[in-house]
Amino acid sequence: MNKMSMFISSTVNDLTEERNAVERLVTQLGGLCWRSETYVAPGKSAYEACVEMAKKCDVFIGVYGQRYGYVDSVAGKSVTEMEYDAAFDYKPRKILIYIKDISPREKEQLEFLRKVQNFRNGYFRHKFFSSTRELKNQLKVDLLAWITERVQIASQLESENAVLRAALRTKDEFLETVIREYALPFNIK
């Protein structure tokens, strides 16, 4: 079985302690942690690598603080916002958001956080974290809930597949009976 991949998206220099704490937790839980500083992507631009990680990861972990971060001149957005957008557009249910209780925030960061926490399209975050311990505790609880939800979805899909397989067997049995009763020269298998 493959390890679950989790991508940490945040500004790097100001949230190093938080990024390290998240990576330690992910590793302790048996997951594979992707970070921009350590991701291997030969032959790809930094943009391509960041978008690839955001799309391909099983869980996207956004950790946001005071800074908006480096703004790409082409997109007109920070790298963290581009990563968030890529993950959201690809699979929005895999996104977990954590916001550090710190101020003042850069104006662009405030706008980005409004987008991330939008009532209809954003993510519910019950409490900002003020320490790496709080961040790790929130992440543990959220990962457990996220995994539990995925297991329930898989179980439901498995049940639905069993019903469909039974319906197909019934259909095949019916067709075999019709072919046999009417001596039709068909083989449905």
N, C-alpha and C. Protein backbone atom coordinates (compact mmCIF):
# COMPACT_ATOMS: atom_id res chain seq x y z
N MET A 1 0.84 -1.18 0.00
CA MET A 1 0.00 0.00 0.00
C MET A 1 0.89 1.25 0.00
N ASN A 2 0.56 2.21 -0.82
CA ASN A 2 1.33 3.45 -0.91
C ASN A 2 1.08 4.32 0.31
N LYS A 3 2.12 5.06 0.67
CA LYS A 3 1.98 6.02 1.76
C LYS A 3 1.14 7.20 1.29
N MET A 4 0.37 7.77 2.21
CA MET A 4 -0.42 8.95 1.90
C MET A 4 0.52 10.15 1.78
N SER A 5 0.41 10.89 0.67
CA SER A 5 1.26 12.06 0.46
C SER A 5 0.55 13.32 0.94
N MET A 6 1.29 14.14 1.68
CA MET A 6 0.74 15.38 2.21
C MET A 6 1.69 16.51 1.87
N PHE A 7 1.15 17.54 1.25
CA PHE A 7 1.94 18.67 0.80
C PHE A 7 1.73 19.86 1.73
N ILE A 8 2.83 20.42 2.23
CA ILE A 8 2.76 21.61 3.07
C ILE A 8 2.91 22.84 2.18
N SER A 9 1.90 23.67 2.18
CA SER A 9 1.92 24.93 1.42
C SER A 9 1.95 26.08 2.41
N SER A 10 2.99 26.89 2.34
CA SER A 10 3.09 28.08 3.19
C SER A 10 4.28 28.89 2.71
N THR A 11 4.40 30.09 3.23
CA THR A 11 5.65 30.81 3.01
C THR A 11 6.71 30.04 3.80
N VAL A 12 7.94 30.05 3.30
CA VAL A 12 8.96 29.18 3.86
C VAL A 12 9.72 29.80 5.02
N ASN A 13 10.30 30.95 4.82
CA ASN A 13 11.24 31.49 5.81
C ASN A 13 10.60 31.87 7.14
N ASP A 14 9.39 32.40 7.12
CA ASP A 14 8.76 32.84 8.36
C ASP A 14 8.00 31.73 9.09
N LEU A 15 7.76 30.61 8.43
CA LEU A 15 7.00 29.51 9.06
C LEU A 15 7.81 28.21 9.09
N THR A 16 9.11 28.33 9.19
CA THR A 16 9.99 27.15 9.20
C THR A 16 9.67 26.22 10.36
N GLU A 17 9.49 26.77 11.55
CA GLU A 17 9.19 25.95 12.73
C GLU A 17 7.87 25.19 12.54
N GLU A 18 6.88 25.86 12.00
CA GLU A 18 5.58 25.23 11.77
C GLU A 18 5.68 24.15 10.70
N ARG A 19 6.41 24.42 9.63
CA ARG A 19 6.59 23.45 8.56
C ARG A 19 7.30 22.20 9.08
N ASN A 20 8.33 22.41 9.89
CA ASN A 20 9.06 21.28 10.47
C ASN A 20 8.16 20.46 11.38
N ALA A 21 7.33 21.12 12.18
CA ALA A 21 6.40 20.42 13.09
C ALA A 21 5.40 19.59 12.29
N VAL A 22 4.87 20.16 11.22
CA VAL A 22 3.92 19.42 10.38
C VAL A 22 4.60 18.21 9.75
N GLU A 23 5.81 18.41 9.24
CA GLU A 23 6.53 17.29 8.62
C GLU A 23 6.79 16.17 9.64
N ARG A 24 7.20 16.53 10.84
CA ARG A 24 7.44 15.51 11.88
C ARG A 24 6.16 14.71 12.16
N LEU A 25 5.04 15.41 12.27
CA LEU A 25 3.77 14.73 12.55
C LEU A 25 3.39 13.81 11.39
N VAL A 26 3.47 14.32 10.17
CA VAL A 26 3.12 13.51 8.99
C VAL A 26 3.98 12.25 8.95
N THR A 27 5.27 12.40 9.21
CA THR A 27 6.19 11.26 9.20
C THR A 27 5.86 10.28 10.32
N GLN A 28 5.57 10.80 11.52
CA GLN A 28 5.19 9.94 12.66
C GLN A 28 3.93 9.13 12.34
N LEU A 29 3.03 9.73 11.58
CA LEU A 29 1.78 9.05 11.23
C LEU A 29 1.96 8.10 10.04
N GLY A 30 3.17 8.03 9.51
CA GLY A 30 3.45 7.11 8.40
C GLY A 30 3.19 7.70 7.04
N GLY A 31 3.01 9.00 6.96
CA GLY A 31 2.76 9.65 5.68
C GLY A 31 4.04 10.11 5.00
N LEU A 32 3.89 10.53 3.78
CA LEU A 32 4.99 11.06 2.99
C LEU A 32 4.77 12.57 2.89
N CYS A 33 5.73 13.35 3.35
CA CYS A 33 5.58 14.81 3.38
C CYS A 33 6.30 15.45 2.20
N TRP A 34 5.58 16.28 1.44
CA TRP A 34 6.16 17.03 0.33
C TRP A 34 6.29 18.49 0.73
N ARG A 35 7.45 19.05 0.46
CA ARG A 35 7.74 20.46 0.73
C ARG A 35 8.49 21.00 -0.48
N SER A 36 8.31 22.26 -0.76
CA SER A 36 8.98 22.86 -1.91
C SER A 36 10.50 22.78 -1.78
N GLU A 37 11.01 22.84 -0.54
CA GLU A 37 12.45 22.82 -0.33
C GLU A 37 13.08 21.45 -0.60
N THR A 38 12.30 20.39 -0.53
CA THR A 38 12.86 19.04 -0.63
C THR A 38 12.29 18.22 -1.79
N TYR A 39 11.31 18.74 -2.48
CA TYR A 39 10.66 18.00 -3.57
C TYR A 39 11.61 17.87 -4.75
N VAL A 40 11.71 16.69 -5.30
CA VAL A 40 12.60 16.44 -6.44
C VAL A 40 11.77 16.51 -7.72
N ALA A 41 12.12 17.48 -8.57
CA ALA A 41 11.37 17.66 -9.83
C ALA A 41 12.34 18.09 -10.93
N PRO A 42 13.24 17.18 -11.34
CA PRO A 42 14.22 17.56 -12.36
C PRO A 42 13.55 17.94 -13.68
N GLY A 43 14.08 18.99 -14.29
CA GLY A 43 13.57 19.43 -15.58
C GLY A 43 12.30 20.24 -15.51
N LYS A 44 11.84 20.59 -14.31
CA LYS A 44 10.61 21.37 -14.16
C LYS A 44 10.93 22.72 -13.53
N SER A 45 10.12 23.69 -13.88
CA SER A 45 10.27 25.00 -13.25
C SER A 45 9.72 24.92 -11.83
N ALA A 46 10.07 25.91 -11.01
CA ALA A 46 9.54 25.96 -9.64
C ALA A 46 8.01 26.02 -9.69
N TYR A 47 7.47 26.79 -10.64
CA TYR A 47 6.02 26.89 -10.80
C TYR A 47 5.41 25.51 -11.07
N GLU A 48 5.98 24.79 -12.05
CA GLU A 48 5.45 23.46 -12.39
C GLU A 48 5.51 22.50 -11.21
N ALA A 49 6.63 22.54 -10.47
CA ALA A 49 6.79 21.65 -9.32
C ALA A 49 5.75 21.95 -8.23
N CYS A 50 5.56 23.24 -7.94
CA CYS A 50 4.60 23.62 -6.90
C CYS A 50 3.17 23.23 -7.27
N VAL A 51 2.80 23.48 -8.52
CA VAL A 51 1.45 23.11 -8.97
C VAL A 51 1.29 21.60 -8.99
N GLU A 52 2.33 20.89 -9.40
CA GLU A 52 2.29 19.43 -9.42
C GLU A 52 2.07 18.86 -8.01
N MET A 53 2.81 19.38 -7.04
CA MET A 53 2.64 18.90 -5.66
C MET A 53 1.22 19.18 -5.16
N ALA A 54 0.72 20.38 -5.45
CA ALA A 54 -0.61 20.77 -4.99
C ALA A 54 -1.69 19.86 -5.58
N LYS A 55 -1.52 19.46 -6.82
CA LYS A 55 -2.51 18.60 -7.48
C LYS A 55 -2.37 17.13 -7.08
N LYS A 56 -1.13 16.63 -7.05
CA LYS A 56 -0.90 15.20 -6.88
C LYS A 56 -1.00 14.71 -5.44
N CYS A 57 -0.85 15.60 -4.46
CA CYS A 57 -0.86 15.15 -3.06
C CYS A 57 -2.24 14.60 -2.69
N ASP A 58 -2.24 13.70 -1.71
CA ASP A 58 -3.51 13.19 -1.18
C ASP A 58 -4.16 14.22 -0.27
N VAL A 59 -3.32 14.92 0.52
CA VAL A 59 -3.82 15.95 1.44
C VAL A 59 -2.98 17.21 1.25
N PHE A 60 -3.67 18.34 1.07
CA PHE A 60 -3.02 19.64 0.94
C PHE A 60 -3.14 20.35 2.28
N ILE A 61 -2.01 20.68 2.89
CA ILE A 61 -2.00 21.32 4.20
C ILE A 61 -1.52 22.76 4.03
N GLY A 62 -2.45 23.70 4.10
CA GLY A 62 -2.11 25.12 3.99
C GLY A 62 -1.86 25.69 5.37
N VAL A 63 -0.67 26.23 5.58
CA VAL A 63 -0.32 26.86 6.85
C VAL A 63 0.00 28.32 6.54
N TYR A 64 -0.84 29.23 7.06
CA TYR A 64 -0.72 30.63 6.67
C TYR A 64 -0.46 31.52 7.87
N GLY A 65 0.40 32.48 7.67
CA GLY A 65 0.79 33.40 8.74
C GLY A 65 0.63 34.85 8.32
N GLN A 66 1.66 35.61 8.58
CA GLN A 66 1.67 37.05 8.41
C GLN A 66 1.90 37.48 6.96
N ARG A 67 2.77 36.73 6.29
CA ARG A 67 3.23 37.14 4.96
C ARG A 67 2.42 36.50 3.83
N TYR A 68 2.24 37.28 2.76
CA TYR A 68 1.60 36.78 1.55
C TYR A 68 2.60 35.99 0.72
N GLY A 69 3.84 36.40 0.73
CA GLY A 69 4.89 35.66 0.03
C GLY A 69 5.22 36.19 -1.35
N TYR A 70 6.11 35.47 -2.01
CA TYR A 70 6.60 35.85 -3.34
C TYR A 70 5.44 35.88 -4.33
N VAL A 71 5.33 36.97 -5.08
CA VAL A 71 4.27 37.12 -6.08
C VAL A 71 4.83 36.85 -7.46
N ASP A 72 4.24 35.88 -8.15
CA ASP A 72 4.63 35.56 -9.53
C ASP A 72 4.15 36.68 -10.44
N SER A 73 5.05 37.21 -11.26
CA SER A 73 4.71 38.36 -12.10
C SER A 73 3.69 38.01 -13.19
N VAL A 74 3.68 36.77 -13.62
CA VAL A 74 2.73 36.37 -14.67
C VAL A 74 1.32 36.19 -14.09
N ALA A 75 1.22 35.45 -12.99
CA ALA A 75 -0.09 35.17 -12.39
C ALA A 75 -0.61 36.33 -11.55
N GLY A 76 0.31 37.15 -11.04
CA GLY A 76 -0.11 38.24 -10.16
C GLY A 76 -0.58 37.75 -8.81
N LYS A 77 -0.16 36.54 -8.41
CA LYS A 77 -0.54 35.92 -7.14
C LYS A 77 0.71 35.38 -6.47
N SER A 78 0.61 35.17 -5.16
CA SER A 78 1.72 34.54 -4.44
C SER A 78 1.77 33.05 -4.79
N VAL A 79 2.92 32.47 -4.53
CA VAL A 79 3.08 31.03 -4.77
C VAL A 79 2.08 30.25 -3.93
N THR A 80 1.89 30.64 -2.67
CA THR A 80 0.95 29.91 -1.81
C THR A 80 -0.48 30.01 -2.34
N GLU A 81 -0.87 31.17 -2.88
CA GLU A 81 -2.21 31.29 -3.45
C GLU A 81 -2.35 30.45 -4.71
N MET A 82 -1.29 30.41 -5.54
CA MET A 82 -1.34 29.57 -6.75
C MET A 82 -1.45 28.09 -6.37
N GLU A 83 -0.70 27.68 -5.33
CA GLU A 83 -0.78 26.29 -4.88
C GLU A 83 -2.19 25.97 -4.37
N TYR A 84 -2.74 26.86 -3.57
CA TYR A 84 -4.10 26.69 -3.05
C TYR A 84 -5.09 26.56 -4.20
N ASP A 85 -5.00 27.47 -5.17
CA ASP A 85 -5.92 27.45 -6.31
C ASP A 85 -5.81 26.14 -7.10
N ALA A 86 -4.57 25.67 -7.30
CA ALA A 86 -4.37 24.41 -8.04
C ALA A 86 -5.02 23.25 -7.30
N ALA A 87 -4.81 23.17 -5.98
CA ALA A 87 -5.42 22.10 -5.19
C ALA A 87 -6.95 22.22 -5.18
N PHE A 88 -7.44 23.44 -5.02
CA PHE A 88 -8.89 23.67 -4.97
C PHE A 88 -9.55 23.29 -6.30
N ASP A 89 -8.93 23.69 -7.40
CA ASP A 89 -9.50 23.37 -8.72
C ASP A 89 -9.44 21.88 -9.02
N TYR A 90 -8.43 21.20 -8.52
CA TYR A 90 -8.25 19.78 -8.80
C TYR A 90 -9.10 18.88 -7.90
N LYS A 91 -9.05 19.12 -6.58
CA LYS A 91 -9.80 18.28 -5.64
C LYS A 91 -9.98 19.05 -4.33
N PRO A 92 -11.02 19.88 -4.23
CA PRO A 92 -11.18 20.76 -3.07
C PRO A 92 -11.36 20.05 -1.73
N ARG A 93 -11.81 18.81 -1.71
CA ARG A 93 -12.06 18.12 -0.43
C ARG A 93 -10.78 17.63 0.25
N LYS A 94 -9.64 17.79 -0.41
CA LYS A 94 -8.39 17.33 0.21
C LYS A 94 -7.65 18.44 0.96
N ILE A 95 -8.22 19.61 1.02
CA ILE A 95 -7.54 20.78 1.58
C ILE A 95 -7.84 20.95 3.07
N LEU A 96 -6.77 21.09 3.85
CA LEU A 96 -6.86 21.40 5.28
C LEU A 96 -6.13 22.73 5.49
N ILE A 97 -6.74 23.65 6.23
CA ILE A 97 -6.21 25.00 6.39
C ILE A 97 -5.92 25.30 7.86
N TYR A 98 -4.76 25.93 8.11
CA TYR A 98 -4.35 26.33 9.45
C TYR A 98 -3.80 27.75 9.38
N ILE A 99 -4.30 28.61 10.26
CA ILE A 99 -3.92 30.02 10.23
C ILE A 99 -3.30 30.39 11.57
N LYS A 100 -2.11 30.95 11.50
CA LYS A 100 -1.39 31.35 12.71
C LYS A 100 -1.98 32.64 13.26
N ASP A 101 -2.14 32.66 14.57
CA ASP A 101 -2.66 33.84 15.27
C ASP A 101 -1.51 34.84 15.42
N ILE A 102 -1.40 35.73 14.45
CA ILE A 102 -0.30 36.69 14.41
C ILE A 102 -0.76 37.94 13.67
N SER A 103 -0.23 39.08 14.08
CA SER A 103 -0.55 40.32 13.37
C SER A 103 0.62 41.27 13.52
N PRO A 104 0.72 42.26 12.70
CA PRO A 104 -0.20 42.57 11.61
C PRO A 104 0.08 41.66 10.41
N ARG A 105 -0.91 41.49 9.57
CA ARG A 105 -0.75 40.72 8.33
C ARG A 105 -0.62 41.67 7.16
N GLU A 106 0.10 41.21 6.14
CA GLU A 106 0.19 42.00 4.91
C GLU A 106 -1.21 42.09 4.29
N LYS A 107 -1.47 43.21 3.64
CA LYS A 107 -2.79 43.46 3.04
C LYS A 107 -3.20 42.33 2.08
N GLU A 108 -2.28 41.92 1.23
CA GLU A 108 -2.57 40.84 0.27
C GLU A 108 -2.89 39.53 0.99
N GLN A 109 -2.21 39.30 2.12
CA GLN A 109 -2.45 38.09 2.91
C GLN A 109 -3.85 38.12 3.51
N LEU A 110 -4.27 39.28 3.98
CA LEU A 110 -5.63 39.41 4.52
C LEU A 110 -6.67 39.08 3.45
N GLU A 111 -6.45 39.58 2.24
CA GLU A 111 -7.38 39.28 1.13
C GLU A 111 -7.39 37.79 0.81
N PHE A 112 -6.20 37.19 0.76
CA PHE A 112 -6.10 35.76 0.49
C PHE A 112 -6.81 34.94 1.58
N LEU A 113 -6.61 35.31 2.84
CA LEU A 113 -7.26 34.59 3.94
C LEU A 113 -8.77 34.74 3.91
N ARG A 114 -9.26 35.88 3.45
CA ARG A 114 -10.72 36.03 3.28
C ARG A 114 -11.23 35.03 2.24
N LYS A 115 -10.48 34.87 1.17
CA LYS A 115 -10.84 33.91 0.12
C LYS A 115 -10.82 32.48 0.68
N VAL A 116 -9.77 32.14 1.41
CA VAL A 116 -9.60 30.80 1.96
C VAL A 116 -10.72 30.47 2.95
N GLN A 117 -11.17 31.46 3.70
CA GLN A 117 -12.18 31.25 4.73
C GLN A 117 -13.58 31.65 4.30
N ASN A 118 -13.78 31.93 3.03
CA ASN A 118 -15.09 32.34 2.53
C ASN A 118 -16.18 31.39 3.02
N PHE A 119 -17.29 31.95 3.46
CA PHE A 119 -18.38 31.17 4.06
C PHE A 119 -18.88 30.07 3.12
N ARG A 120 -19.03 30.35 1.86
CA ARG A 120 -19.59 29.37 0.92
C ARG A 120 -18.54 28.49 0.25
N ASN A 121 -17.42 29.08 -0.15
CA ASN A 121 -16.44 28.33 -0.94
C ASN A 121 -15.12 28.08 -0.22
N GLY A 122 -15.00 28.58 0.99
CA GLY A 122 -13.74 28.43 1.71
C GLY A 122 -13.78 27.27 2.69
N TYR A 123 -12.88 27.32 3.65
CA TYR A 123 -12.73 26.23 4.60
C TYR A 123 -12.95 26.72 6.01
N PHE A 124 -13.70 25.94 6.76
CA PHE A 124 -14.02 26.24 8.14
C PHE A 124 -12.78 26.02 8.99
N ARG A 125 -12.42 27.01 9.75
CA ARG A 125 -11.29 26.88 10.67
C ARG A 125 -11.75 27.40 12.01
N HIS A 126 -11.93 26.51 12.94
CA HIS A 126 -12.54 26.86 14.22
C HIS A 126 -11.68 27.76 15.08
N LYS A 127 -10.35 27.73 14.95
CA LYS A 127 -9.50 28.48 15.84
C LYS A 127 -8.14 28.68 15.17
N PHE A 128 -7.59 29.88 15.30
CA PHE A 128 -6.23 30.11 14.82
C PHE A 128 -5.28 29.43 15.81
N PHE A 129 -4.11 29.01 15.34
CA PHE A 129 -3.15 28.39 16.24
C PHE A 129 -2.11 29.42 16.68
N SER A 130 -1.63 29.27 17.89
CA SER A 130 -0.62 30.21 18.40
C SER A 130 0.70 29.52 18.71
N SER A 131 0.72 28.18 18.62
CA SER A 131 1.96 27.44 18.87
C SER A 131 2.01 26.23 17.94
N THR A 132 3.21 25.69 17.76
CA THR A 132 3.32 24.49 16.92
C THR A 132 2.58 23.32 17.56
N ARG A 133 2.50 23.31 18.87
CA ARG A 133 1.75 22.25 19.57
C ARG A 133 0.27 22.31 19.19
N GLU A 134 -0.30 23.51 19.21
CA GLU A 134 -1.71 23.66 18.81
C GLU A 134 -1.89 23.27 17.34
N LEU A 135 -0.97 23.68 16.49
CA LEU A 135 -1.04 23.32 15.07
C LEU A 135 -1.04 21.80 14.90
N LYS A 136 -0.12 21.11 15.55
CA LYS A 136 -0.05 19.66 15.44
C LYS A 136 -1.32 18.99 15.98
N ASN A 137 -1.87 19.50 17.08
CA ASN A 137 -3.10 18.92 17.63
C ASN A 137 -4.26 19.11 16.68
N GLN A 138 -4.39 20.32 16.11
CA GLN A 138 -5.46 20.56 15.14
C GLN A 138 -5.30 19.65 13.93
N LEU A 139 -4.07 19.53 13.44
CA LEU A 139 -3.82 18.69 12.27
C LEU A 139 -4.14 17.22 12.56
N LYS A 140 -3.76 16.71 13.73
CA LYS A 140 -4.07 15.32 14.08
C LYS A 140 -5.57 15.07 14.05
N VAL A 141 -6.33 15.97 14.68
CA VAL A 141 -7.79 15.83 14.73
C VAL A 141 -8.37 15.88 13.31
N ASP A 142 -7.90 16.83 12.52
CA ASP A 142 -8.43 16.97 11.16
C ASP A 142 -8.06 15.80 10.27
N LEU A 143 -6.84 15.28 10.39
CA LEU A 143 -6.46 14.12 9.59
C LEU A 143 -7.28 12.90 9.96
N LEU A 144 -7.53 12.70 11.24
CA LEU A 144 -8.37 11.59 11.68
C LEU A 144 -9.78 11.72 11.08
N ALA A 145 -10.35 12.93 11.15
CA ALA A 145 -11.68 13.16 10.58
C ALA A 145 -11.67 12.96 9.07
N TRP A 146 -10.63 13.46 8.40
CA TRP A 146 -10.52 13.35 6.94
C TRP A 146 -10.41 11.88 6.53
N ILE A 147 -9.57 11.12 7.22
CA ILE A 147 -9.39 9.69 6.90
C ILE A 147 -10.66 8.91 7.20
N THR A 148 -11.31 9.21 8.32
CA THR A 148 -12.56 8.54 8.67
C THR A 148 -13.62 8.78 7.60
N GLU A 149 -13.71 10.02 7.13
CA GLU A 149 -14.67 10.34 6.08
C GLU A 149 -14.36 9.55 4.80
N ARG A 150 -13.08 9.44 4.44
CA ARG A 150 -12.70 8.70 3.24
C ARG A 150 -13.02 7.22 3.38
N VAL A 151 -12.82 6.66 4.57
CA VAL A 151 -13.14 5.25 4.81
C VAL A 151 -14.65 5.04 4.67
N GLN A 152 -15.44 5.96 5.21
CA GLN A 152 -16.90 5.84 5.09
C GLN A 152 -17.33 5.93 3.63
N ILE A 153 -16.73 6.83 2.88
CA ILE A 153 -17.05 6.96 1.46
C ILE A 153 -16.68 5.67 0.72
N ALA A 154 -15.48 5.13 1.01
CA ALA A 154 -15.04 3.89 0.36
C ALA A 154 -15.98 2.73 0.71
N SER A 155 -16.40 2.67 1.96
CA SER A 155 -17.31 1.61 2.39
C SER A 155 -18.65 1.73 1.67
N GLN A 156 -19.15 2.94 1.55
CA GLN A 156 -20.42 3.16 0.86
C GLN A 156 -20.30 2.78 -0.62
N LEU A 157 -19.19 3.15 -1.25
CA LEU A 157 -18.97 2.80 -2.66
C LEU A 157 -18.85 1.29 -2.83
N GLU A 158 -18.20 0.63 -1.87
CA GLU A 158 -18.07 -0.83 -1.92
C GLU A 158 -19.45 -1.48 -1.84
N SER A 159 -20.31 -0.97 -0.97
CA SER A 159 -21.68 -1.50 -0.84
C SER A 159 -22.46 -1.29 -2.13
N GLU A 160 -22.33 -0.09 -2.70
CA GLU A 160 -23.02 0.20 -3.96
C GLU A 160 -22.51 -0.69 -5.08
N ASN A 161 -21.21 -0.96 -5.10
CA ASN A 161 -20.64 -1.85 -6.12
C ASN A 161 -21.17 -3.27 -5.95
N ALA A 162 -21.32 -3.72 -4.72
CA ALA A 162 -21.85 -5.07 -4.47
C ALA A 162 -23.28 -5.17 -4.99
N VAL A 163 -24.08 -4.14 -4.78
CA VAL A 163 -25.46 -4.13 -5.29
C VAL A 163 -25.45 -4.17 -6.82
N LEU A 164 -24.58 -3.40 -7.44
CA LEU A 164 -24.49 -3.39 -8.90
C LEU A 164 -24.03 -4.74 -9.45
N ARG A 165 -23.05 -5.36 -8.78
CA ARG A 165 -22.59 -6.69 -9.23
C ARG A 165 -23.73 -7.72 -9.13
N ALA A 166 -24.51 -7.65 -8.06
CA ALA A 166 -25.64 -8.57 -7.89
C ALA A 166 -26.68 -8.33 -8.99
N ALA A 167 -26.92 -7.07 -9.30
CA ALA A 167 -27.88 -6.75 -10.37
C ALA A 167 -27.38 -7.26 -11.71
N LEU A 168 -26.09 -7.17 -11.97
CA LEU A 168 -25.54 -7.69 -13.23
C LEU A 168 -25.64 -9.20 -13.29
N ARG A 169 -25.38 -9.88 -12.17
CA ARG A 169 -25.53 -11.35 -12.14
C ARG A 169 -26.98 -11.73 -12.44
N THR A 170 -27.92 -11.01 -11.85
CA THR A 170 -29.34 -11.28 -12.09
C THR A 170 -29.68 -11.07 -13.56
N LYS A 171 -29.16 -9.99 -14.15
CA LYS A 171 -29.40 -9.71 -15.57
C LYS A 171 -28.81 -10.83 -16.43
N ASP A 172 -27.60 -11.26 -16.12
CA ASP A 172 -26.96 -12.33 -16.88
C ASP A 172 -27.74 -13.63 -16.77
N GLU A 173 -28.20 -13.93 -15.56
CA GLU A 173 -29.00 -15.15 -15.36
C GLU A 173 -30.30 -15.07 -16.16
N PHE A 174 -30.94 -13.90 -16.18
CA PHE A 174 -32.17 -13.72 -16.94
C PHE A 174 -31.91 -13.93 -18.43
N LEU A 175 -30.83 -13.32 -18.94
CA LEU A 175 -30.50 -13.47 -20.36
C LEU A 175 -30.20 -14.93 -20.71
N GLU A 176 -29.46 -15.62 -19.84
CA GLU A 176 -29.19 -17.04 -20.09
C GLU A 176 -30.47 -17.85 -20.15
N THR A 177 -31.41 -17.55 -19.27
CA THR A 177 -32.70 -18.25 -19.26
C THR A 177 -33.46 -17.99 -20.56
N VAL A 178 -33.50 -16.74 -21.01
CA VAL A 178 -34.19 -16.38 -22.25
C VAL A 178 -33.54 -17.09 -23.43
N ILE A 179 -32.22 -17.07 -23.50
CA ILE A 179 -31.50 -17.73 -24.60
C ILE A 179 -31.78 -19.23 -24.61
N ARG A 180 -31.76 -19.84 -23.44
CA ARG A 180 -31.99 -21.28 -23.32
C ARG A 180 -33.44 -21.63 -23.68
N GLU A 181 -34.41 -20.87 -23.12
CA GLU A 181 -35.83 -21.16 -23.33
C GLU A 181 -36.23 -21.00 -24.80
N TYR A 182 -35.65 -20.04 -25.47
CA TYR A 182 -36.02 -19.78 -26.86
C TYR A 182 -34.99 -20.35 -27.84
N ALA A 183 -34.06 -21.12 -27.33
CA ALA A 183 -33.03 -21.78 -28.14
C ALA A 183 -32.32 -20.79 -29.05
N LEU A 184 -31.98 -19.66 -28.52
CA LEU A 184 -31.27 -18.64 -29.29
C LEU A 184 -29.79 -19.02 -29.41
N PRO A 185 -29.18 -18.78 -30.56
CA PRO A 185 -27.78 -19.18 -30.76
C PRO A 185 -26.79 -18.10 -30.27
N PHE A 186 -26.95 -17.63 -29.06
CA PHE A 186 -26.06 -16.59 -28.52
C PHE A 186 -25.36 -17.11 -27.27
N ASN A 187 -24.20 -16.60 -27.07
CA ASN A 187 -23.47 -16.89 -25.84
C ASN A 187 -23.18 -15.55 -25.20
N ILE A 188 -23.73 -15.31 -24.01
CA ILE A 188 -23.57 -13.99 -23.40
C ILE A 188 -22.31 -13.88 -22.55
N LYS A 189 -21.56 -14.94 -22.43
CA LYS A 189 -20.36 -14.89 -21.59
C LYS A 189 -19.15 -14.49 -22.35
